[in-house]
PDB file of N, CA and C in Angstrom:
ATOM      1  N   MET A   1      25.620  -4.353  -3.501  1.00  0.00           N
ATOM      2  CA  MET A   1      25.192  -5.347  -2.116  1.00  0.00           C
ATOM      3  C   MET A   1      24.715  -6.902  -2.719  1.00  0.00           C
ATOM      4  N   SER A   2      25.121  -7.689  -2.729  1.00  0.00           N
ATOM      5  CA  SER A   2      24.526  -9.009  -2.740  1.00  0.00           C
ATOM      6  C   SER A   2      23.631  -9.445  -2.267  1.00  0.00           C
ATOM      7  N   LEU A   3      22.899 -10.125  -3.094  1.00  0.00           N
ATOM      8  CA  LEU A   3      21.327 -10.342  -2.494  1.00  0.00           C
ATOM      9  C   LEU A   3      21.296 -11.596  -2.008  1.00  0.00           C
ATOM     10  N   THR A   4      21.380 -12.175  -0.760  1.00  0.00           N
ATOM     11  CA  THR A   4      20.784 -13.747  -0.193  1.00  0.00           C
ATOM     12  C   THR A   4      19.978 -14.145  -1.097  1.00  0.00           C
ATOM     13  N   LYS A   5      20.009 -15.605  -1.003  1.00  0.00           N
ATOM     14  CA  LYS A   5      19.069 -16.208  -2.043  1.00  0.00           C
ATOM     15  C   LYS A   5      17.730 -16.032  -1.527  1.00  0.00           C
ATOM     16  N   PRO A   6      17.189 -16.178   0.288  1.00  0.00           N
ATOM     17  CA  PRO A   6      15.587 -15.849  -0.173  1.00  0.00           C
ATOM     18  C   PRO A   6      15.920 -14.525  -0.554  1.00  0.00           C
ATOM     19  N   ASN A   7      16.738 -13.228  -0.396  1.00  0.00           N
ATOM     20  CA  ASN A   7      15.965 -12.196  -1.321  1.00  0.00           C
ATOM     21  C   ASN A   7      16.284 -12.104  -2.274  1.00  0.00           C
ATOM     22  N   GLN A   8      16.905 -12.765  -3.091  1.00  0.00           N
ATOM     23  CA  GLN A   8      16.497 -13.177  -4.761  1.00  0.00           C
ATOM     24  C   GLN A   8      15.080 -13.706  -4.881  1.00  0.00           C
ATOM     25  N   GLU A   9      14.742 -14.845  -4.498  1.00  0.00           N
ATOM     26  CA  GLU A   9      13.585 -15.169  -4.229  1.00  0.00           C
ATOM     27  C   GLU A   9      12.418 -14.457  -4.374  1.00  0.00           C
ATOM     28  N   LEU A  10      12.385 -13.697  -3.231  1.00  0.00           N
ATOM     29  CA  LEU A  10      11.394 -12.525  -2.577  1.00  0.00           C
ATOM     30  C   LEU A  10      11.202 -11.830  -3.784  1.00  0.00           C
ATOM     31  N   ARG A  11      12.901 -11.033  -4.454  1.00  0.00           N
ATOM     32  CA  ARG A  11      12.557 -10.255  -5.121  1.00  0.00           C
ATOM     33  C   ARG A  11      11.984 -10.561  -7.258  1.00  0.00           C
ATOM     34  N   ARG A  12      12.132 -11.867  -6.731  1.00  0.00           N
ATOM     35  CA  ARG A  12      11.883 -12.381  -7.944  1.00  0.00           C
ATOM     36  C   ARG A  12      10.169 -12.809  -8.589  1.00  0.00           C
ATOM     37  N   ASP A  13      10.002 -13.246  -6.832  1.00  0.00           N
ATOM     38  CA  ASP A  13       8.352 -13.441  -7.265  1.00  0.00           C
ATOM     39  C   ASP A  13       7.757 -12.162  -7.085  1.00  0.00           C
ATOM     40  N   LEU A  14       8.175 -10.706  -6.812  1.00  0.00           N
ATOM     41  CA  LEU A  14       7.526  -9.215  -6.814  1.00  0.00           C
ATOM     42  C   LEU A  14       7.236  -9.003  -8.447  1.00  0.00           C
ATOM     43  N   LYS A  15       8.740  -9.411  -8.679  1.00  0.00           N
ATOM     44  CA  LYS A  15       8.841  -8.844  -9.987  1.00  0.00           C
ATOM     45  C   LYS A  15       7.446  -9.831 -10.943  1.00  0.00           C
ATOM     46  N   GLU A  16       8.120 -10.906 -10.797  1.00  0.00           N
ATOM     47  CA  GLU A  16       7.316 -11.643 -11.689  1.00  0.00           C
ATOM     48  C   GLU A  16       5.543 -11.096 -11.239  1.00  0.00           C
ATOM     49  N   ALA A  17       5.334 -10.981 -10.175  1.00  0.00           N
ATOM     50  CA  ALA A  17       4.059 -10.811  -9.737  1.00  0.00           C
ATOM     51  C   ALA A  17       3.382  -9.047 -10.753  1.00  0.00           C
ATOM     52  N   ALA A  18       4.571  -8.567 -10.285  1.00  0.00           N
ATOM     53  CA  ALA A  18       4.210  -7.122 -11.392  1.00  0.00           C
ATOM     54  C   ALA A  18       3.857  -7.421 -12.548  1.00  0.00           C
ATOM     55  N   ALA A  19       4.563  -8.542 -13.341  1.00  0.00           N
ATOM     56  CA  ALA A  19       4.453  -8.784 -14.904  1.00  0.00           C
ATOM     57  C   ALA A  19       3.334  -9.205 -15.045  1.00  0.00           C
ATOM     58  N   ALA A  20       2.806 -10.142 -14.251  1.00  0.00           N
ATOM     59  CA  ALA A  20       1.038 -10.955 -13.963  1.00  0.00           C
ATOM     60  C   ALA A  20       0.465 -10.026 -14.178  1.00  0.00           C
ATOM     61  N   LEU A  21       0.289  -9.158 -13.147  1.00  0.00           N
ATOM     62  CA  LEU A  21      -0.715  -7.748 -13.701  1.00  0.00           C
ATOM     63  C   LEU A  21      -0.544  -6.782 -14.772  1.00  0.00           C
ATOM     64  N   LYS A  22       0.554  -6.566 -15.051  1.00  0.00           N
ATOM     65  CA  LYS A  22       0.790  -6.015 -15.926  1.00  0.00           C
ATOM     66  C   LYS A  22       0.303  -6.525 -17.368  1.00  0.00           C
ATOM     67  N   TRP A  23       0.377  -7.734 -17.689  1.00  0.00           N
ATOM     68  CA  TRP A  23       0.129  -8.134 -18.802  1.00  0.00           C
ATOM     69  C   TRP A  23      -1.520  -8.798 -19.028  1.00  0.00           C
ATOM     70  N   SER A  24      -1.966  -8.883 -17.754  1.00  0.00           N
ATOM     71  CA  SER A  24      -3.375  -9.320 -17.630  1.00  0.00           C
ATOM     72  C   SER A  24      -4.324  -7.262 -17.458  1.00  0.00           C
ATOM     73  N   GLY A  25      -3.779  -6.408 -17.175  1.00  0.00           N
ATOM     74  CA  GLY A  25      -4.240  -5.043 -17.757  1.00  0.00           C
ATOM     75  C   GLY A  25      -3.832  -4.596 -18.955  1.00  0.00           C
ATOM     76  N   VAL A  26      -3.308  -5.437 -19.618  1.00  0.00           N
ATOM     77  CA  VAL A  26      -3.336  -5.181 -20.878  1.00  0.00           C
ATOM     78  C   VAL A  26      -4.317  -6.046 -21.747  1.00  0.00           C
ATOM     79  N   ASP A  27      -4.695  -7.211 -21.116  1.00  0.00           N
ATOM     80  CA  ASP A  27      -5.634  -8.052 -21.851  1.00  0.00           C
ATOM     81  C   ASP A  27      -7.198  -7.363 -21.980  1.00  0.00           C
ATOM     82  N   LEU A  28      -6.990  -6.440 -20.391  1.00  0.00           N
ATOM     83  CA  LEU A  28      -8.371  -6.366 -19.919  1.00  0.00           C
ATOM     84  C   LEU A  28      -8.997  -5.134 -20.905  1.00  0.00           C
ATOM     85  N   PHE A  29      -7.703  -4.129 -21.083  1.00  0.00           N
ATOM     86  CA  PHE A  29      -8.068  -2.885 -22.009  1.00  0.00           C
ATOM     87  C   PHE A  29      -8.149  -3.374 -23.314  1.00  0.00           C
ATOM     88  N   VAL A  30      -7.697  -4.733 -24.016  1.00  0.00           N
ATOM     89  CA  VAL A  30      -8.416  -5.103 -24.959  1.00  0.00           C
ATOM     90  C   VAL A  30      -9.484  -5.240 -25.529  1.00  0.00           C
ATOM     91  N   PHE A  31      -9.585  -6.446 -23.769  1.00  0.00           N
ATOM     92  CA  PHE A  31     -11.070  -6.557 -23.956  1.00  0.00           C
ATOM     93  C   PHE A  31     -12.055  -5.092 -24.074  1.00  0.00           C
ATOM     94  N   ALA A  32     -12.102  -4.433 -23.014  1.00  0.00           N
ATOM     95  CA  ALA A  32     -12.257  -3.414 -22.910  1.00  0.00           C
ATOM     96  C   ALA A  32     -12.677  -2.982 -24.389  1.00  0.00           C
ATOM     97  N   LYS A  33     -12.055  -2.559 -25.505  1.00  0.00           N
ATOM     98  CA  LYS A  33     -12.117  -1.899 -26.697  1.00  0.00           C
ATOM     99  C   LYS A  33     -12.748  -2.357 -27.352  1.00  0.00           C
ATOM    100  N   LYS A  34     -12.770  -4.048 -27.327  1.00  0.00           N
ATOM    101  CA  LYS A  34     -13.894  -4.764 -27.833  1.00  0.00           C
ATOM    102  C   LYS A  34     -15.134  -4.584 -27.436  1.00  0.00           C
ATOM    103  N   LEU A  35     -15.380  -4.198 -25.936  1.00  0.00           N
ATOM    104  CA  LEU A  35     -16.707  -3.907 -25.403  1.00  0.00           C
ATOM    105  C   LEU A  35     -17.130  -2.961 -26.165  1.00  0.00           C
ATOM    106  N   LEU A  36     -16.522  -1.417 -26.070  1.00  0.00           N
ATOM    107  CA  LEU A  36     -16.448  -0.066 -26.576  1.00  0.00           C
ATOM    108  C   LEU A  36     -17.129  -0.446 -28.167  1.00  0.00           C
ATOM    109  N   ALA A  37     -16.327  -1.288 -28.556  1.00  0.00           N
ATOM    110  CA  ALA A  37     -16.853  -1.287 -30.008  1.00  0.00           C
ATOM    111  C   ALA A  37     -17.796  -1.444 -30.481  1.00  0.00           C
ATOM    112  N   SER A  38     -18.606  -2.822 -29.311  1.00  0.00           N
ATOM    113  CA  SER A  38     -19.693  -3.384 -29.429  1.00  0.00           C
ATOM    114  C   SER A  38     -20.865  -2.430 -28.812  1.00  0.00           C
ATOM    115  N   GLY A  39     -20.427  -1.543 -28.588  1.00  0.00           N
ATOM    116  CA  GLY A  39     -22.000  -0.522 -27.166  1.00  0.00           C
ATOM    117  C   GLY A  39     -21.448  -0.493 -25.944  1.00  0.00           C
ATOM    118  N   ASP A  40     -20.985  -1.199 -25.304  1.00  0.00           N
ATOM    119  CA  ASP A  40     -21.171  -1.502 -24.002  1.00  0.00           C
ATOM    120  C   ASP A  40     -20.134  -0.603 -23.202  1.00  0.00           C
ATOM    121  N   GLU A  41     -20.462   0.919 -23.118  1.00  0.00           N
ATOM    122  CA  GLU A  41     -19.411   1.571 -23.030  1.00  0.00           C
ATOM    123  C   GLU A  41     -18.843   1.304 -21.199  1.00  0.00           C
ATOM    124  N   ASP A  42     -20.440   1.061 -20.709  1.00  0.00           N
ATOM    125  CA  ASP A  42     -20.364   1.026 -18.686  1.00  0.00           C
ATOM    126  C   ASP A  42     -19.761   0.055 -18.788  1.00  0.00           C
ATOM    127  N   GLY A  43     -19.805  -1.217 -19.371  1.00  0.00           N
ATOM    128  CA  GLY A  43     -18.547  -2.547 -19.201  1.00  0.00           C
ATOM    129  C   GLY A  43     -17.412  -2.482 -19.660  1.00  0.00           C
ATOM    130  N   ALA A  44     -17.189  -1.335 -20.541  1.00  0.00           N
ATOM    131  CA  ALA A  44     -15.865  -0.930 -21.265  1.00  0.00           C
ATOM    132  C   ALA A  44     -15.040  -0.213 -20.064  1.00  0.00           C
ATOM    133  N   ASN A  45     -15.861   0.665 -19.582  1.00  0.00           N
ATOM    134  CA  ASN A  45     -14.977   1.954 -18.427  1.00  0.00           C
ATOM    135  C   ASN A  45     -15.188   0.923 -17.323  1.00  0.00           C
ATOM    136  N   GLU A  46     -15.851  -0.169 -16.852  1.00  0.00           N
ATOM    137  CA  GLU A  46     -15.772  -0.836 -15.586  1.00  0.00           C
ATOM    138  C   GLU A  46     -14.329  -1.564 -15.541  1.00  0.00           C
ATOM    139  N   LEU A  47     -14.025  -2.450 -16.848  1.00  0.00           N
ATOM    140  CA  LEU A  47     -12.769  -3.415 -17.161  1.00  0.00           C
ATOM    141  C   LEU A  47     -11.377  -2.025 -16.987  1.00  0.00           C
ATOM    142  N   MET A  48     -11.314  -0.525 -17.813  1.00  0.00           N
ATOM    143  CA  MET A  48     -10.347   0.273 -17.571  1.00  0.00           C
ATOM    144  C   MET A  48     -10.567   0.243 -16.323  1.00  0.00           C
ATOM    145  N   GLN A  49     -11.109   0.642 -15.465  1.00  0.00           N
ATOM    146  CA  GLN A  49     -11.021   1.060 -14.324  1.00  0.00           C
ATOM    147  C   GLN A  49      -9.999  -0.110 -13.668  1.00  0.00           C
ATOM    148  N   ILE A  50     -10.467  -1.119 -13.888  1.00  0.00           N
ATOM    149  CA  ILE A  50      -9.759  -2.181 -12.968  1.00  0.00           C
ATOM    150  C   ILE A  50      -8.534  -2.510 -13.466  1.00  0.00           C
ATOM    151  N   ALA A  51      -8.212  -2.646 -14.982  1.00  0.00           N
ATOM    152  CA  ALA A  51      -6.913  -2.240 -15.233  1.00  0.00           C
ATOM    153  C   ALA A  51      -6.169  -1.247 -14.934  1.00  0.00           C
ATOM    154  N   LEU A  52      -6.687  -0.577 -14.532  1.00  0.00           N
ATOM    155  CA  LEU A  52      -5.522   1.065 -13.915  1.00  0.00           C
ATOM    156  C   LEU A  52      -5.355   0.669 -12.746  1.00  0.00           C
ATOM    157  N   ARG A  53      -6.402  -0.226 -11.574  1.00  0.00           N
ATOM    158  CA  ARG A  53      -5.768  -0.329 -10.203  1.00  0.00           C
ATOM    159  C   ARG A  53      -4.853  -1.495 -10.665  1.00  0.00           C
ATOM    160  N   PHE A  54      -4.837  -2.469 -11.389  1.00  0.00           N
ATOM    161  CA  PHE A  54      -3.516  -3.449 -11.264  1.00  0.00           C
ATOM    162  C   PHE A  54      -2.569  -2.465 -11.633  1.00  0.00           C
ATOM    163  N   GLN A  55      -2.387  -1.698 -12.601  1.00  0.00           N
ATOM    164  CA  GLN A  55      -1.426  -0.697 -12.774  1.00  0.00           C
ATOM    165  C   GLN A  55      -0.554  -0.022 -11.636  1.00  0.00           C
ATOM    166  N   ASP A  56      -1.701   0.794 -11.129  1.00  0.00           N
ATOM    167  CA  ASP A  56      -1.301   1.280  -9.334  1.00  0.00           C
ATOM    168  C   ASP A  56      -0.597   0.001  -8.871  1.00  0.00           C
ATOM    169  N   VAL A  57      -1.068  -1.348  -8.468  1.00  0.00           N
ATOM    170  CA  VAL A  57      -0.203  -2.240  -7.930  1.00  0.00           C
ATOM    171  C   VAL A  57       0.949  -2.863  -8.458  1.00  0.00           C
ATOM    172  N   GLU A  58       0.481  -3.144  -9.965  1.00  0.00           N
ATOM    173  CA  GLU A  58       1.910  -3.386 -10.438  1.00  0.00           C
ATOM    174  C   GLU A  58       3.433  -2.270 -10.022  1.00  0.00           C
ATOM    175  N   ASP A  59       3.029  -0.770 -10.278  1.00  0.00           N
ATOM    176  CA  ASP A  59       4.498  -0.175  -9.695  1.00  0.00           C
ATOM    177  C   ASP A  59       4.232  -0.207  -8.197  1.00  0.00           C
ATOM    178  N   LYS A  60       3.560  -0.470  -7.415  1.00  0.00           N
ATOM    179  CA  LYS A  60       4.093  -0.709  -5.980  1.00  0.00           C
ATOM    180  C   LYS A  60       5.004  -2.361  -5.648  1.00  0.00           C
ATOM    181  N   LEU A  61       4.640  -3.071  -6.554  1.00  0.00           N
ATOM    182  CA  LEU A  61       5.212  -4.513  -6.362  1.00  0.00           C
ATOM    183  C   LEU A  61       6.652  -3.679  -7.467  1.00  0.00           C
ATOM    184  N   GLU A  62       6.748  -3.503  -8.436  1.00  0.00           N
ATOM    185  CA  GLU A  62       7.999  -2.808  -9.013  1.00  0.00           C
ATOM    186  C   GLU A  62       8.883  -2.148  -7.851  1.00  0.00           C
ATOM    187  N   GLY A  63       8.082  -1.291  -7.244  1.00  0.00           N
ATOM    188  CA  GLY A  63       8.760  -0.300  -6.065  1.00  0.00           C
ATOM    189  C   GLY A  63       9.287  -1.025  -5.319  1.00  0.00           C
ATOM    190  N   TYR A  64       8.462  -2.055  -4.349  1.00  0.00           N
ATOM    191  CA  TYR A  64       9.181  -3.116  -3.322  1.00  0.00           C
ATOM    192  C   TYR A  64      10.023  -4.053  -3.686  1.00  0.00           C
ATOM    193  N   ALA A  65      10.308  -4.233  -4.547  1.00  0.00           N
ATOM    194  CA  ALA A  65      11.403  -5.356  -5.724  1.00  0.00           C
ATOM    195  C   ALA A  65      12.737  -4.311  -5.625  1.00  0.00           C
ATOM    196  N   GLU A  66      12.322  -3.161  -5.899  1.00  0.00           N
ATOM    197  CA  GLU A  66      13.881  -2.345  -5.878  1.00  0.00           C
ATOM    198  C   GLU A  66      14.221  -2.057  -4.525  1.00  0.00           C
ATOM    199  N   GLU A  67      13.176  -2.062  -3.517  1.00  0.00           N
ATOM    200  CA  GLU A  67      13.281  -1.874  -1.704  1.00  0.00           C
ATOM    201  C   GLU A  67      14.368  -3.391  -1.752  1.00  0.00           C
ATOM    202  N   VAL A  68      14.417  -4.247  -2.163  1.00  0.00           N
ATOM    203  CA  VAL A  68      14.570  -5.789  -1.643  1.00  0.00           C
ATOM    204  C   VAL A  68      16.360  -5.501  -2.300  1.00  0.00           C
ATOM    205  N   LYS A  69      16.112  -4.814  -3.445  1.00  0.00           N
ATOM    206  CA  LYS A  69      17.332  -4.993  -4.604  1.00  0.00           C
ATOM    207  C   LYS A  69      18.317  -4.021  -3.578  1.00  0.00           C
ATOM    208  N   ALA A  70      18.242  -2.910  -3.263  1.00  0.00           N
ATOM    209  CA  ALA A  70      18.620  -1.864  -2.621  1.00  0.00           C
ATOM    210  C   ALA A  70      18.905  -2.696  -0.820  1.00  0.00           C
ATOM    211  N   GLY A  71      18.366  -3.406  -0.577  1.00  0.00           N
ATOM    212  CA  GLY A  71      18.395  -4.095   0.707  1.00  0.00           C
ATOM    213  C   GLY A  71      17.483  -3.319   1.906  1.00  0.00           C
ATOM    214  N   ARG A  72      16.380  -2.605   1.569  1.00  0.00           N
ATOM    215  CA  ARG A  72      15.764  -1.439   2.434  1.00  0.00           C
ATOM    216  C   ARG A  72      15.000  -2.870   2.803  1.00  0.00           C
ATOM    217  N   VAL A  73      14.314  -4.026   1.992  1.00  0.00           N
ATOM    218  CA  VAL A  73      13.441  -5.015   2.417  1.00  0.00           C
ATOM    219  C   VAL A  73      14.079  -6.373   2.597  1.00  0.00           C
ATOM    220  N   LYS A  74      13.661  -6.648   3.823  1.00  0.00           N
ATOM    221  CA  LYS A  74      14.647  -8.325   3.658  1.00  0.00           C
ATOM    222  C   LYS A  74      13.704  -9.344   4.132  1.00  0.00           C
ATOM    223  N   ARG A  75      14.007 -10.363   3.562  1.00  0.00           N
ATOM    224  CA  ARG A  75      12.987 -11.551   3.851  1.00  0.00           C
ATOM    225  C   ARG A  75      13.821 -12.265   5.107  1.00  0.00           C
ATOM    226  N   THR A  76      13.396 -12.544   6.205  1.00  0.00           N
ATOM    227  CA  THR A  76      13.665 -13.347   7.558  1.00  0.00           C
ATOM    228  C   THR A  76      13.644 -14.605   7.569  1.00  0.00           C
ATOM    229  N   LYS A  77      13.743 -15.090   8.544  1.00  0.00           N
ATOM    230  CA  LYS A  77      14.095 -16.637   9.090  1.00  0.00           C
ATOM    231  C   LYS A  77      12.347 -16.265   9.822  1.00  0.00           C
ATOM    232  N   GLU A  78      11.520 -17.497   9.881  1.00  0.00           N
ATOM    233  CA  GLU A  78      10.188 -17.848  10.775  1.00  0.00           C
ATOM    234  C   GLU A  78      11.295 -17.944  11.901  1.00  0.00           C
TER     235      GLU A  78
END
């Protein structure tokens, strides 16, 4: 099934948001490793928890994008 332009834009926006969260999470893990190496275990653990939450939201956004692709979620006019 071909997506309408608004639904294509919605899917693209969801995928872009998911990708931004993914790379932000990667950056947080890198910084957490540096904190851990410097002895700040508490700070490192907090950053890792945030990165894991980013990953959960990323997975949800990817799922929503697939629902748009399958036609289960649609953007409608206001």
